[in-house]
Amino acid sequence: MGNKNNPPEKYESIAFRLLNDSLCMADYLIESGMKLPVEAGKELSRISLEINSLRDENKQKAEINEVIKTESEKLTQIYLSLAEAAAPATPLTIRYTSQSSKMFFLWGSQCIPLIRNMMLMSLVFLLGFITTSLTGKTWLINLNLVAAAGLGAYFYSLYTANKYVVNRTFDPKYATFYNNRIIIGIIAGYILASIIRSNFFASENSQLIELTPSVIALLGGFSADAVVKILNRIVVMLVALVKGDTTEIIESKIQEIKQQSEARIFKDKINLARELVENITDLKSKDLATYDKIRSQIDKFLRTTD
């Protein structure tokens, strides 16, 4: 249909963007073997052929834009129809997940730039992990932990991104998230391996072998959230040591809950007394004795809170 997957130029007309995005979604539906709305495909082909003929005649872009503007209403209908058929993919995600770069920059199969970079860095960390595992030097051991954490972080990111790439729904705005997640994973993995002993997860009744520091680092890189939870638990333990033993902490918590409960009960009594007073206001002018008696009971009810 022409203009295959071309990104929209900055500041171009809305109608022109509708045309480009519609062509992008139509190409995606055709290439994926999905159902292309008949009427939308027919009208889009007509408009596309008309625009291409103007280009062949070397018409100015402004003149072409004017022709496209006359088709704005039709292009909007086409866009909405194709967007529904292509969902959850969008023109943005379709373009971003188009294979536009060589795997090894100059040669190899076509792939998505972000995914290619993550795959290459995974290989770098894997090579670093294998190399540093063969030595006993202290600085290389630390480098081994970093390599293991990086391997786990990249594995998680590639695994998570894969389903969005397959569905053509990978949104480029999440590229920063993946980069941040990798850095956080590397730091988390190194921290976890540094603070947890290799036999931490082993028990007498389990057949789980002792995890090496490098494997712990890899697990930390794979799940940074788990590392955050572990660190929070350690912080709570340290705070407990500073504040006192567990019994004191429990007693303090019980007192806190008791005070909150008493405050809630008092508040409920105040609200109830206020409602009773409002309900007997008319009684004051009709039966003052009964009114005073009820007010006395309400005051007594409130005093029992003290």
Protein backbone atom coordinates (compact mmCIF):
# COMPACT_ATOMS: atom_id res chain seq x y z
CA MET A 1 0.00 0.00 0.00
CA GLY A 2 3.05 2.25 0.13
CA ASN A 3 4.72 4.23 2.91
CA LYS A 4 5.25 1.00 4.83
CA ASN A 5 5.76 1.67 8.53
CA ASN A 6 7.16 5.16 7.89
CA PRO A 7 7.20 7.19 11.12
CA PRO A 8 5.21 10.44 10.98
CA GLU A 9 7.17 13.62 10.38
CA LYS A 10 7.08 16.31 13.05
CA TYR A 11 4.42 19.02 12.71
CA GLU A 12 2.70 17.32 9.76
CA SER A 13 -1.06 17.65 9.43
CA ILE A 14 -3.40 15.41 11.41
CA ALA A 15 -4.87 14.06 8.19
CA PHE A 16 -1.41 13.08 6.96
CA ARG A 17 -0.70 11.30 10.24
CA LEU A 18 -4.02 9.48 10.00
CA LEU A 19 -3.01 8.28 6.54
CA ASN A 20 0.46 7.10 7.63
CA ASP A 21 -0.85 5.40 10.78
CA SER A 22 -3.64 3.72 8.85
CA LEU A 23 -1.15 2.41 6.29
CA CYS A 24 1.04 1.15 9.13
CA MET A 25 -1.83 -0.78 10.76
CA ALA A 26 -3.06 -2.12 7.42
CA ASP A 27 0.41 -3.49 6.59
CA TYR A 28 0.59 -5.08 10.04
CA LEU A 29 -2.81 -6.78 9.64
CA ILE A 30 -1.92 -8.09 6.19
CA GLU A 31 1.53 -9.36 7.20
CA SER A 32 0.14 -11.00 10.34
CA GLY A 33 -2.64 -12.75 8.43
CA MET A 34 -5.28 -10.93 10.47
CA LYS A 35 -8.66 -9.78 9.20
CA LEU A 36 -8.49 -6.45 7.36
CA PRO A 37 -11.81 -4.56 7.43
CA VAL A 38 -13.07 -4.66 3.84
CA GLU A 39 -14.45 -1.14 3.60
CA ALA A 40 -11.44 0.39 5.35
CA GLY A 41 -9.03 -1.50 3.08
CA LYS A 42 -10.92 -0.43 -0.01
CA GLU A 43 -11.03 3.27 0.89
CA LEU A 44 -7.43 3.29 2.12
CA SER A 45 -6.23 1.75 -1.14
CA ARG A 46 -8.12 4.39 -3.11
CA ILE A 47 -6.66 7.28 -1.11
CA SER A 48 -3.17 5.78 -1.16
CA LEU A 49 -3.24 5.32 -4.93
CA GLU A 50 -4.43 8.89 -5.38
CA ILE A 51 -1.62 10.27 -3.22
CA ASN A 52 1.00 8.12 -4.95
CA SER A 53 -0.17 9.36 -8.34
CA LEU A 54 0.27 12.96 -7.19
CA ARG A 55 3.78 12.12 -6.00
CA ASP A 56 4.56 10.55 -9.36
CA GLU A 57 3.50 13.82 -10.96
CA ASN A 58 6.03 15.63 -8.69
CA LYS A 59 3.31 17.62 -6.96
CA GLN A 60 4.38 19.83 -4.06
CA LYS A 61 3.87 18.47 -0.54
CA ALA A 62 1.53 21.34 0.35
CA GLU A 63 -0.70 20.42 -2.60
CA ILE A 64 -0.69 16.76 -1.57
CA ASN A 65 -1.60 17.74 1.98
CA GLU A 66 -4.57 19.72 0.71
CA VAL A 67 -5.84 16.64 -1.11
CA ILE A 68 -5.38 14.53 2.03
CA LYS A 69 -7.28 17.10 4.13
CA THR A 70 -10.35 16.63 1.96
CA GLU A 71 -10.31 12.97 2.99
CA SER A 72 -10.00 13.72 6.73
CA GLU A 73 -13.40 12.41 7.69
CA LYS A 74 -12.95 9.21 5.72
CA LEU A 75 -9.41 8.73 7.09
CA THR A 76 -10.72 9.08 10.64
CA GLN A 77 -13.25 6.32 10.03
CA ILE A 78 -10.57 4.16 8.44
CA TYR A 79 -8.20 4.76 11.36
CA LEU A 80 -10.82 3.81 13.98
CA SER A 81 -11.76 0.66 12.08
CA LEU A 82 -8.14 -0.46 11.68
CA ALA A 83 -7.26 0.44 15.28
CA GLU A 84 -10.05 -1.83 16.50
CA ALA A 85 -8.85 -4.68 14.25
CA ALA A 86 -5.16 -4.28 15.24
CA ALA A 87 -5.73 -3.85 19.00
CA PRO A 88 -3.92 -4.15 21.35
CA ALA A 89 -1.17 -3.15 18.91
CA THR A 90 -0.97 0.55 17.97
CA PRO A 91 0.90 2.39 15.19
CA LEU A 92 3.55 3.40 17.75
CA THR A 93 4.13 -0.15 19.02
CA ILE A 94 4.01 -1.61 15.52
CA ARG A 95 6.73 0.74 14.28
CA TYR A 96 8.87 0.26 17.40
CA THR A 97 8.72 -3.54 17.17
CA SER A 98 9.60 -3.56 13.49
CA GLN A 99 12.92 -5.28 12.89
CA SER A 100 15.07 -2.37 11.76
CA SER A 101 18.62 -3.14 12.97
CA LYS A 102 21.23 -5.82 12.37
CA MET A 103 21.81 -8.22 15.23
CA PHE A 104 25.54 -7.49 15.32
CA PHE A 105 25.24 -3.90 13.99
CA LEU A 106 26.81 -4.66 10.58
CA TRP A 107 25.68 -8.21 9.89
CA GLY A 108 23.18 -10.80 11.08
CA SER A 109 19.41 -11.02 10.95
CA GLN A 110 17.16 -8.01 11.48
CA CYS A 111 15.96 -7.38 15.02
CA ILE A 112 14.55 -4.70 17.35
CA PRO A 113 17.29 -2.32 18.62
CA LEU A 114 16.37 -2.44 22.33
CA ILE A 115 16.03 -6.23 22.36
CA ARG A 116 19.29 -6.59 20.41
CA ASN A 117 21.13 -4.44 22.94
CA MET A 118 19.75 -6.46 25.85
CA MET A 119 20.71 -9.74 24.17
CA LEU A 120 24.26 -8.56 23.47
CA MET A 121 24.71 -7.29 27.03
CA SER A 122 23.36 -10.62 28.32
CA LEU A 123 26.10 -12.38 26.36
CA VAL A 124 28.69 -9.98 27.79
CA PHE A 125 27.59 -10.67 31.37
CA LEU A 126 27.41 -14.41 30.66
CA LEU A 127 30.98 -14.37 29.34
CA GLY A 128 32.08 -12.31 32.34
CA PHE A 129 30.34 -14.74 34.70
CA ILE A 130 32.06 -17.76 33.17
CA THR A 131 35.49 -16.09 33.06
CA THR A 132 35.45 -14.77 36.62
CA SER A 133 34.23 -18.11 37.97
CA LEU A 134 37.61 -19.64 37.13
CA THR A 135 39.68 -17.62 39.59
CA GLY A 136 39.99 -17.12 43.34
CA LYS A 137 41.22 -13.53 43.37
CA THR A 138 39.16 -11.20 45.55
CA TRP A 139 38.51 -8.49 42.96
CA LEU A 140 37.54 -11.10 40.39
CA ILE A 141 35.18 -12.72 42.88
CA ASN A 142 33.42 -9.35 43.30
CA LEU A 143 33.35 -8.96 39.52
CA ASN A 144 31.85 -12.43 39.33
CA LEU A 145 29.00 -11.32 41.60
CA VAL A 146 28.35 -8.26 39.42
CA ALA A 147 28.37 -10.45 36.29
CA ALA A 148 25.96 -12.92 37.89
CA ALA A 149 23.61 -10.12 39.00
CA GLY A 150 23.72 -8.59 35.52
CA LEU A 151 22.96 -11.96 33.94
CA GLY A 152 19.90 -12.35 36.17
CA ALA A 153 18.73 -8.78 35.50
CA TYR A 154 19.02 -9.11 31.72
CA PHE A 155 17.36 -12.52 31.78
CA TYR A 156 14.37 -11.05 33.61
CA SER A 157 14.13 -8.05 31.25
CA LEU A 158 14.38 -10.18 28.10
CA TYR A 159 11.82 -12.64 29.41
CA THR A 160 9.40 -9.84 30.37
CA ALA A 161 9.81 -7.94 27.08
CA ASN A 162 9.43 -11.04 24.93
CA LYS A 163 5.64 -11.37 25.25
CA TYR A 164 5.12 -7.70 24.33
CA VAL A 165 7.38 -8.03 21.30
CA VAL A 166 5.51 -11.13 20.14
CA ASN A 167 2.15 -9.34 20.49
CA ARG A 168 3.56 -6.18 18.88
CA THR A 169 2.45 -4.17 21.92
CA PHE A 170 5.87 -3.08 23.23
CA ASP A 171 5.57 0.63 24.04
CA PRO A 172 8.87 2.56 23.66
CA LYS A 173 8.05 4.70 26.69
CA TYR A 174 8.90 1.64 28.80
CA ALA A 175 12.46 1.47 27.41
CA THR A 176 13.64 3.59 30.34
CA PHE A 177 11.92 1.21 32.73
CA TYR A 178 13.85 -1.74 31.33
CA ASN A 179 17.16 0.10 31.54
CA ASN A 180 16.45 1.17 35.13
CA ARG A 181 15.32 -2.35 36.02
CA ILE A 182 18.61 -3.78 34.75
CA ILE A 183 20.73 -1.33 36.78
CA ILE A 184 18.60 -1.93 39.89
CA GLY A 185 18.89 -5.68 39.36
CA ILE A 186 22.69 -5.55 39.16
CA ILE A 187 22.91 -3.51 42.37
CA ALA A 188 20.32 -5.69 44.15
CA GLY A 189 22.06 -8.92 43.16
CA TYR A 190 25.44 -7.73 44.41
CA ILE A 191 23.96 -6.51 47.69
CA LEU A 192 22.09 -9.78 48.26
CA ALA A 193 25.18 -11.91 47.64
CA SER A 194 27.17 -9.67 49.98
CA ILE A 195 24.83 -9.89 52.97
CA ILE A 196 23.53 -13.48 52.73
CA ARG A 197 25.65 -16.53 53.46
CA SER A 198 25.67 -19.34 50.90
CA ASN A 199 23.96 -21.80 53.33
CA PHE A 200 21.20 -19.33 54.27
CA PHE A 201 18.51 -21.18 52.27
CA ALA A 202 19.60 -24.69 53.26
CA SER A 203 17.83 -26.69 55.97
CA GLU A 204 18.29 -30.10 57.56
CA ASN A 205 14.98 -31.42 56.25
CA SER A 206 15.33 -30.16 52.68
CA GLN A 207 17.24 -31.51 49.76
CA LEU A 208 18.09 -28.01 48.55
CA ILE A 209 21.82 -27.71 47.95
CA GLU A 210 23.72 -24.73 49.27
CA LEU A 211 23.54 -21.79 46.90
CA THR A 212 26.83 -20.22 45.93
CA PRO A 213 27.25 -16.42 46.27
CA SER A 214 27.19 -16.06 42.47
CA VAL A 215 23.86 -17.89 42.23
CA ILE A 216 22.44 -15.73 45.02
CA ALA A 217 23.61 -12.66 43.07
CA LEU A 218 21.91 -14.01 39.94
CA LEU A 219 18.65 -14.53 41.85
CA GLY A 220 18.91 -11.02 43.27
CA GLY A 221 19.40 -9.59 39.79
CA PHE A 222 16.40 -11.55 38.52
CA SER A 223 14.09 -10.36 41.32
CA ALA A 224 15.02 -6.95 42.67
CA ASP A 225 11.64 -6.80 44.44
CA ALA A 226 12.58 -9.84 46.54
CA VAL A 227 15.83 -8.13 47.55
CA VAL A 228 13.94 -5.01 48.64
CA LYS A 229 11.68 -7.15 50.85
CA ILE A 230 14.69 -8.91 52.38
CA LEU A 231 16.41 -5.58 53.06
CA ASN A 232 13.24 -4.19 54.65
CA ARG A 233 13.05 -7.26 56.88
CA ILE A 234 16.67 -6.81 57.94
CA VAL A 235 16.00 -3.13 58.70
CA VAL A 236 13.05 -4.12 60.91
CA MET A 237 15.30 -6.58 62.76
CA LEU A 238 17.94 -3.89 63.30
CA VAL A 239 15.34 -1.43 64.55
CA ALA A 240 14.06 -4.09 66.95
CA LEU A 241 17.56 -4.50 68.36
CA VAL A 242 17.79 -0.76 68.97
CA LYS A 243 14.34 -0.35 70.51
CA GLY A 244 14.47 -3.41 72.72
CA ASP A 245 13.51 -7.06 72.71
CA THR A 246 10.47 -8.52 71.00
CA THR A 247 8.35 -8.49 74.17
CA GLU A 248 8.72 -4.73 74.56
CA ILE A 249 7.79 -4.19 70.94
CA ILE A 250 4.70 -6.38 71.30
CA GLU A 251 3.61 -4.59 74.49
CA SER A 252 4.09 -1.23 72.80
CA LYS A 253 1.99 -2.38 69.86
CA ILE A 254 -0.75 -3.64 72.17
CA GLN A 255 -0.89 -0.30 73.98
CA GLU A 256 -1.04 1.53 70.67
CA ILE A 257 -3.94 -0.63 69.46
CA LYS A 258 -5.73 -0.22 72.80
CA GLN A 259 -5.43 3.56 72.67
CA GLN A 260 -6.70 3.62 69.10
CA SER A 261 -9.64 1.40 70.10
CA GLU A 262 -10.56 3.62 73.07
CA ALA A 263 -10.38 6.72 70.91
CA ARG A 264 -12.68 5.08 68.37
CA ILE A 265 -15.20 4.09 71.07
CA PHE A 266 -15.21 7.63 72.53
CA LYS A 267 -15.76 9.12 69.10
CA ASP A 268 -18.68 6.74 68.47
CA LYS A 269 -20.24 7.71 71.82
CA ILE A 270 -19.95 11.40 71.03
CA ASN A 271 -21.64 10.88 67.66
CA LEU A 272 -24.39 8.79 69.24
CA ALA A 273 -25.01 11.40 71.98
CA ARG A 274 -25.19 14.15 69.38
CA GLU A 275 -27.81 12.21 67.41
CA LEU A 276 -29.88 11.61 70.58
CA VAL A 277 -29.81 15.30 71.51
CA GLU A 278 -30.92 16.28 68.03
CA ASN A 279 -33.80 13.79 68.19
CA ILE A 280 -35.16 15.08 71.51
CA THR A 281 -34.89 18.80 70.73
CA ASP A 282 -38.64 19.06 70.03
CA LEU A 283 -39.38 17.30 73.32
CA LYS A 284 -37.92 20.22 75.33
CA SER A 285 -40.87 22.49 74.60
CA LYS A 286 -43.48 19.76 75.11
CA ASP A 287 -42.24 17.80 78.13
CA LEU A 288 -39.34 19.51 79.90
CA ALA A 289 -39.12 16.91 82.69
CA THR A 290 -38.73 14.03 80.28
CA TYR A 291 -36.24 16.06 78.26
CA ASP A 292 -34.10 16.78 81.35
CA LYS A 293 -34.20 13.12 82.36
CA ILE A 294 -33.00 11.98 78.94
CA ARG A 295 -30.25 14.63 78.91
CA SER A 296 -29.13 13.42 82.32
CA GLN A 297 -28.85 9.87 81.03
CA ILE A 298 -26.89 11.06 77.99
CA ASP A 299 -24.43 12.94 80.24
CA LYS A 300 -24.03 9.85 82.41
CA PHE A 301 -23.43 7.75 79.30
CA LEU A 302 -20.62 10.06 78.17
CA ARG A 303 -18.97 10.12 81.63
CA THR A 304 -18.56 6.34 81.58
CA THR A 305 -15.93 6.85 78.84
CA ASP A 306 -13.47 8.49 81.27
